Protein backbone atom coordinates (compact mmCIF):
# COMPACT_ATOMS: atom_id res chain seq x y z
CA UNK A 1 5.49 -27.88 -1.94
CA UNK A 2 5.72 -25.26 0.80
CA UNK A 3 2.25 -23.85 0.30
CA UNK A 4 2.78 -20.89 2.61
CA UNK A 5 6.35 -20.04 1.65
CA UNK A 6 6.64 -16.29 1.09
CA UNK A 7 9.57 -13.89 0.98
CA UNK A 8 9.27 -11.95 4.24
CA UNK A 9 9.25 -14.37 7.18
CA UNK A 10 10.36 -17.96 7.96
CA UNK A 11 7.97 -20.90 7.81
CA UNK A 12 5.57 -21.42 10.72
CA UNK A 13 3.92 -24.76 11.50
CA UNK A 14 0.15 -24.60 11.10
CA UNK A 15 -2.04 -25.99 13.87
CA UNK A 16 -4.86 -28.36 12.79
CA UNK A 17 -7.62 -25.78 13.24
CA UNK A 18 -5.52 -23.19 11.40
CA UNK A 19 -5.18 -25.61 8.51
CA UNK A 20 -8.97 -25.90 8.44
CA UNK A 21 -9.46 -22.15 8.49
CA UNK A 22 -6.96 -21.53 5.69
CA UNK A 23 -8.88 -23.99 3.51
CA UNK A 24 -12.25 -22.28 3.96
CA UNK A 25 -13.70 -20.44 0.97
CA UNK A 26 -13.91 -17.17 2.92
CA UNK A 27 -10.15 -17.23 3.53
CA UNK A 28 -9.11 -18.65 0.16
CA UNK A 29 -11.11 -15.87 -1.53
CA UNK A 30 -8.42 -13.49 -0.27
CA UNK A 31 -6.06 -14.98 -2.87
CA UNK A 32 -8.16 -13.16 -5.47
CA UNK A 33 -8.24 -9.76 -3.75
CA UNK A 34 -5.37 -7.38 -4.38
CA UNK A 35 -3.91 -5.90 -1.21
CA UNK A 36 -2.96 -2.81 -3.20
CA UNK A 37 -6.44 -2.41 -4.62
CA UNK A 38 -6.84 -0.91 -8.07
CA UNK A 39 -3.27 0.30 -7.72
CA UNK A 40 -2.23 -3.24 -8.61
CA UNK A 41 -3.54 -2.55 -12.14
CA UNK A 42 -1.20 0.40 -12.67
CA UNK A 43 1.86 -0.56 -10.60
CA UNK A 44 4.13 -3.59 -10.14
CA UNK A 45 2.77 -4.17 -6.61
CA UNK A 46 0.38 -7.08 -7.08
CA UNK A 47 0.44 -9.20 -3.91
CA UNK A 48 -2.86 -10.50 -2.60
CA UNK A 49 -4.70 -9.98 0.66
CA UNK A 50 -4.11 -13.69 1.33
CA UNK A 51 -0.35 -13.11 1.33
CA UNK A 52 -0.85 -10.26 3.79
CA UNK A 53 -3.05 -12.52 5.94
CA UNK A 54 -0.39 -15.22 5.99
CA UNK A 55 2.14 -12.57 6.98
CA UNK A 56 0.05 -11.25 9.88
CA UNK A 57 -0.58 -14.82 11.06
CA UNK A 58 3.14 -15.59 10.93
CA UNK A 59 3.90 -12.49 12.99
CA UNK A 60 1.25 -13.43 15.56
CA UNK A 61 2.60 -16.98 15.76
CA UNK A 62 6.17 -15.72 16.02
CA UNK A 63 5.54 -13.22 18.80
CA UNK A 64 2.81 -15.06 20.73
CA UNK A 65 2.98 -18.74 19.68
CA UNK A 66 0.67 -19.97 22.46
CA UNK A 67 -2.04 -17.36 21.92
CA UNK A 68 -4.47 -19.36 19.80
CA UNK A 69 -7.13 -16.65 19.75
CA UNK A 70 -4.68 -14.06 18.43
CA UNK A 71 -3.45 -16.50 15.80
CA UNK A 72 -7.03 -17.20 14.69
CA UNK A 73 -7.91 -13.50 14.66
CA UNK A 74 -4.95 -12.86 12.39
CA UNK A 75 -6.18 -15.49 9.92
CA UNK A 76 -9.71 -14.10 9.85
CA UNK A 77 -9.10 -10.37 10.22
CA UNK A 78 -9.54 -9.50 6.53
CA UNK A 79 -12.25 -11.90 5.31
CA UNK A 80 -14.79 -9.07 5.04
CA UNK A 81 -12.84 -7.13 2.45
CA UNK A 82 -14.48 -6.14 -0.81
CA UNK A 83 -13.02 -6.76 -4.26
CA UNK A 84 -9.90 -4.61 -4.68
CA UNK A 85 -9.71 -4.17 -0.91
CA UNK A 86 -10.07 -0.53 0.21
CA UNK A 87 -10.29 0.93 -3.30
CA UNK A 88 -14.07 1.22 -3.54
CA UNK A 89 -15.21 0.66 0.05
CA UNK A 90 -15.88 4.30 0.92
CA UNK A 91 -17.26 5.26 -2.49
CA UNK A 92 -19.75 2.38 -2.42
CA UNK A 93 -20.71 2.76 1.23
CA UNK A 94 -19.42 -0.52 2.68
CA UNK A 95 -17.71 -1.30 5.99
CA UNK A 96 -15.38 -4.28 5.75
CA UNK A 97 -15.19 -4.56 9.55
CA UNK A 98 -18.92 -5.26 9.71
CA UNK A 99 -18.63 -7.81 6.90
CA UNK A 100 -15.72 -9.50 8.66
CA UNK A 101 -17.68 -9.90 11.90
CA UNK A 102 -20.67 -11.28 10.00
CA UNK A 103 -18.55 -13.87 8.19
CA UNK A 104 -16.68 -14.94 11.32
CA UNK A 105 -20.04 -15.74 12.92
CA UNK A 106 -20.97 -18.02 10.01
CA UNK A 107 -21.72 -21.68 10.84
CA UNK A 108 -18.60 -22.99 9.06
CA UNK A 109 -16.17 -20.81 10.98
CA UNK A 110 -17.86 -21.01 14.36
CA UNK A 111 -17.93 -24.81 14.05
CA UNK A 112 -14.14 -24.93 13.56
CA UNK A 113 -13.58 -22.64 16.53
CA UNK A 114 -15.98 -24.55 18.78
CA UNK A 115 -14.40 -27.89 17.92
CA UNK A 116 -10.94 -26.51 18.69
CA UNK A 117 -11.94 -24.76 21.93
CA UNK A 118 -11.16 -21.34 20.51
CA UNK A 119 -12.90 -18.54 22.40
CA UNK A 120 -14.88 -16.60 19.78
CA UNK A 121 -15.37 -13.62 22.08
CA UNK A 122 -11.60 -13.29 22.55
CA UNK A 123 -11.07 -13.55 18.80
CA UNK A 124 -13.56 -10.74 18.21
CA UNK A 125 -11.98 -8.66 20.98
CA UNK A 126 -8.63 -8.79 19.17
CA UNK A 127 -10.39 -7.52 16.04
CA UNK A 128 -12.59 -4.87 17.63
CA UNK A 129 -10.44 -3.40 20.38
CA UNK A 130 -6.90 -2.02 20.78
CA UNK A 131 -4.35 -4.78 21.19
CA UNK A 132 -1.45 -6.60 19.54
CA UNK A 133 -3.26 -7.11 16.24
CA UNK A 134 -4.76 -3.66 15.72
CA UNK A 135 -2.46 -1.59 17.92
CA UNK A 136 -3.86 1.58 19.43
CA UNK A 137 -4.63 5.05 18.09
CA UNK A 138 -0.90 5.80 17.83
CA UNK A 139 0.81 2.41 18.39
CA UNK A 140 1.33 0.10 15.43
CA UNK A 141 -0.16 -3.39 15.59
CA UNK A 142 0.78 -6.54 13.68
CA UNK A 143 -1.75 -5.86 10.92
CA UNK A 144 -0.23 -2.55 9.88
CA UNK A 145 3.29 -3.80 10.55
CA UNK A 146 2.95 -6.46 7.88
CA UNK A 147 1.27 -4.02 5.50
CA UNK A 148 4.11 -1.51 5.72
CA UNK A 149 6.81 -4.17 5.48
CA UNK A 150 5.13 -6.08 2.65
CA UNK A 151 4.02 -3.13 0.52
CA UNK A 152 7.44 -1.50 0.58
CA UNK A 153 9.19 -4.83 0.02
CA UNK A 154 7.03 -5.62 -3.01
CA UNK A 155 7.62 -2.10 -4.31
CA UNK A 156 11.37 -2.74 -4.04
CA UNK A 157 12.03 0.15 -1.66
CA UNK A 158 13.37 -1.71 1.41
CA UNK A 159 17.01 -1.20 2.31
CA UNK A 160 16.84 -3.83 5.06
CA UNK A 161 15.07 -7.17 4.72
CA UNK A 162 11.81 -7.13 6.73
CA UNK A 163 12.76 -10.16 8.82
CA UNK A 164 15.91 -8.40 10.02
CA UNK A 165 13.68 -5.68 11.43
CA UNK A 166 11.13 -8.09 12.90
CA UNK A 167 13.90 -9.92 14.77
CA UNK A 168 14.59 -6.69 16.63
CA UNK A 169 10.96 -6.32 17.75
CA UNK A 170 8.58 -7.71 20.32
CA UNK A 171 4.82 -7.55 20.55
CA UNK A 172 3.06 -6.21 23.64
CA UNK A 173 -0.64 -6.03 24.45
CA UNK A 174 -0.58 -2.51 23.01
CA UNK A 175 1.23 -3.38 19.81
CA UNK A 176 4.74 -3.55 18.38
CA UNK A 177 7.77 -2.50 20.47
CA UNK A 178 11.45 -2.09 19.53
CA UNK A 179 14.55 0.01 20.04
CA UNK A 180 14.89 3.50 18.64
CA UNK A 181 17.20 2.52 15.77
CA UNK A 182 14.72 -0.10 14.54
CA UNK A 183 11.86 2.34 15.07
CA UNK A 184 13.57 4.91 12.85
CA UNK A 185 14.02 2.32 10.10
CA UNK A 186 10.39 1.28 10.41
CA UNK A 187 9.13 4.85 10.25
CA UNK A 188 11.15 5.41 7.10
CA UNK A 189 9.16 2.55 5.57
CA UNK A 190 5.90 4.06 6.81
CA UNK A 191 6.67 7.28 4.94
CA UNK A 192 7.69 5.39 1.79
CA UNK A 193 4.51 3.32 1.92
CA UNK A 194 2.41 6.48 2.11
CA UNK A 195 4.35 8.01 -0.77
CA UNK A 196 3.26 5.06 -2.91
CA UNK A 197 -0.29 4.83 -1.54
CA UNK A 198 -0.88 8.54 -2.09
CA UNK A 199 0.61 8.68 -5.58
CA UNK A 200 -1.87 10.39 -7.95
CA UNK A 201 -1.81 7.51 -10.42
CA UNK A 202 -2.81 4.99 -7.76
CA UNK A 203 -5.50 7.27 -6.36
CA UNK A 204 -6.83 7.74 -9.89
CA UNK A 205 -7.04 3.98 -10.41
CA UNK A 206 -9.23 3.65 -7.31
CA UNK A 207 -11.48 6.50 -8.42
CA UNK A 208 -11.88 5.18 -11.96
CA UNK A 209 -12.72 1.69 -10.72
CA UNK A 210 -15.36 3.06 -8.35
CA UNK A 211 -16.82 5.21 -11.12
CA UNK A 212 -17.04 2.20 -13.45
CA UNK A 213 -18.87 0.18 -10.80
CA UNK A 214 -21.31 3.02 -10.11
CA UNK A 215 -21.99 3.37 -13.84
CA UNK A 216 -22.72 -0.35 -14.03
CA UNK A 217 -24.99 -0.21 -10.99
CA UNK A 218 -26.91 2.68 -12.56
CA UNK A 219 -27.85 0.31 -15.38
CA UNK A 220 -28.39 -3.01 -13.61
CA UNK A 221 -28.98 -2.11 -9.96
CA UNK A 222 -26.75 -2.64 -6.95
CA UNK A 223 -27.05 -6.11 -5.47
CA UNK A 224 -24.75 -5.25 -2.60
CA UNK A 225 -24.86 -8.67 -0.95
CA UNK A 226 -23.68 -10.31 -4.16
CA UNK A 227 -21.01 -7.67 -4.79
CA UNK A 228 -19.51 -8.14 -1.33
CA UNK A 229 -18.81 -11.80 -2.15
CA UNK A 230 -17.09 -11.16 -5.48
CA UNK A 231 -13.37 -11.26 -6.27
CA UNK A 232 -11.28 -8.84 -8.31
CA UNK A 233 -11.61 -11.11 -11.34
CA UNK A 234 -15.38 -11.23 -10.99
CA UNK A 235 -15.67 -7.45 -10.91
CA UNK A 236 -13.44 -6.97 -13.95
CA UNK A 237 -15.47 -9.54 -15.89
CA UNK A 238 -18.73 -7.81 -14.95
CA UNK A 239 -17.44 -4.38 -15.93
CA UNK A 240 -15.94 -5.51 -19.23
CA UNK A 241 -19.36 -6.82 -20.31
CA UNK A 242 -21.49 -4.18 -18.58
CA UNK A 243 -24.54 -2.78 -20.39
CA UNK A 244 -23.21 0.64 -19.37
CA UNK A 245 -21.06 2.15 -22.13
CA UNK A 246 -19.31 4.40 -19.63
CA UNK A 247 -18.51 1.48 -17.32
CA UNK A 248 -16.95 -0.45 -20.21
CA UNK A 249 -14.95 2.58 -21.33
CA UNK A 250 -13.63 3.36 -17.87
CA UNK A 251 -12.52 -0.20 -17.21
CA UNK A 252 -11.02 -0.59 -20.68
CA UNK A 253 -8.98 2.56 -20.17
CA UNK A 254 -7.86 1.45 -16.72
CA UNK A 255 -6.83 -2.02 -17.93
CA UNK A 256 -5.47 -1.26 -21.39
CA UNK A 257 -4.62 2.44 -21.65
CA UNK A 258 -4.09 3.92 -18.19
CA UNK A 259 -1.67 6.42 -19.73
CA UNK A 260 -4.73 8.18 -21.17
CA UNK A 261 -5.95 9.02 -17.70
CA UNK A 262 -5.07 12.64 -16.99
CA UNK A 263 -4.64 13.39 -13.30
CA UNK A 264 -4.33 16.98 -12.23
CA UNK A 265 -4.09 18.65 -8.86
CA UNK A 266 -7.10 20.61 -7.68
CA UNK A 267 -10.77 20.21 -8.49
CA UNK A 268 -12.36 22.07 -11.39
CA UNK A 269 -15.50 19.96 -11.39
CA UNK A 270 -14.81 18.60 -14.86
CA UNK A 271 -13.42 15.24 -13.72
CA UNK A 272 -13.77 12.58 -11.06
CA UNK A 273 -12.62 14.12 -7.75
CA UNK A 274 -10.05 12.09 -5.85
CA UNK A 275 -8.27 12.57 -2.56
CA UNK A 276 -6.17 10.64 -0.07
CA UNK A 277 -8.44 8.16 1.70
CA UNK A 278 -6.62 7.83 5.01
CA UNK A 279 -3.26 8.30 6.69
CA UNK A 280 -1.87 5.60 8.97
CA UNK A 281 0.10 7.66 11.48
CA UNK A 282 1.24 4.94 13.85
CA UNK A 283 4.60 4.05 15.34
CA UNK A 284 6.00 1.32 17.63
CA UNK A 285 6.60 1.56 21.33
CA UNK A 286 10.14 2.56 22.30
CA UNK A 287 11.23 2.12 25.92
CA UNK A 288 7.63 1.38 26.82
CA UNK A 289 6.33 4.68 25.45
CA UNK A 290 4.59 5.47 22.14
CA UNK A 291 7.34 6.59 19.76
CA UNK A 292 4.66 8.56 17.95
CA UNK A 293 4.77 11.12 20.77
CA UNK A 294 8.46 11.73 20.04
CA UNK A 295 8.19 12.01 16.27
CA UNK A 296 4.63 13.29 15.90
CA UNK A 297 5.49 16.68 14.45
CA UNK A 298 8.04 15.36 11.96
CA UNK A 299 5.89 12.37 10.92
CA UNK A 300 2.75 14.47 10.57
CA UNK A 301 4.59 16.98 8.40
CA UNK A 302 5.88 14.25 6.10
CA UNK A 303 2.53 12.45 5.80
CA UNK A 304 0.45 15.61 5.43
CA UNK A 305 2.60 16.55 2.44
CA UNK A 306 0.89 13.69 0.59
CA UNK A 307 -2.63 14.97 1.34
CA UNK A 308 -3.78 16.69 -1.83
CA UNK A 309 -6.93 16.86 -3.90
CA UNK A 310 -6.89 15.76 -7.52
CA UNK A 311 -9.27 15.00 -10.33
CA UNK A 312 -8.94 12.48 -13.11
CA UNK A 313 -10.12 12.94 -16.69
CA UNK A 314 -10.07 10.31 -19.41
CA UNK A 315 -9.97 12.21 -22.68
CA UNK A 316 -10.81 9.08 -24.66
CA UNK A 317 -14.15 9.00 -22.84
CA UNK A 318 -14.68 12.74 -23.19
CA UNK A 319 -13.97 12.66 -26.92
CA UNK A 320 -16.45 9.85 -27.54
CA UNK A 321 -19.20 11.78 -25.76
CA UNK A 322 -18.72 15.21 -27.36
């Protein structure tokens, strides 16, 4: 069985220490975290953060096959994510970057790196500073490249197979570089990805999930250290059996009757307020210069069109509490 076969990129041979890292609990846990967050519960886009991690690692190995620290950083870059990825991070006051750093410095991971002569400081530098993995403020890195390619592919909106685009790219110390034609195709995917990410239904799913968790915590307390280790399945199980009636109602509606969630633009104060969490306005390098500088006005206009404020009301919950 080709354990790491996936639809975007060709197979890459795993190095012995990479094999060890992929088998660690902290990395395997990513199989049970949705990359699309709570949006995976209300859309057909259901790939995991593990699949994204494999994709970023494949890109790193493709572009810089001899850079062991970059390859390791790509494997470990997401291990601090919460259940449902970014969906509840801001609402619950977590920082997945801090959690990632903490877990990378765990005895199990540091032992693998030490045994394999992997420089931990270099690994952390790839995670914490501008470079090929993270890109820069305006230049796209490998992490976001895979996200845009994978999310749009899984949503069925790609006109060109991702690998055909990747073959036209290279990776510099500042991030991804390509010709202008490829850059235009990539930026089209960036806009499509934001159109999906910023869809009111998906934003509502994130807000409802966060509200359910907060309702549960109001009853049982917030053991944040335990929560940070959970998977999507764990959280759903907890909420479905929560002592909080509101938590159970919110999660039941989200899982079984999401059509009953009314999302409306604006904020009247009578529902859960929701808004776009973040825009990822990055582009590749073209001819050695940030393409973002060339397309900034057009890209900003397109992305800002998705920035709206909404609120979500579940009338089944309202009716039961009148």
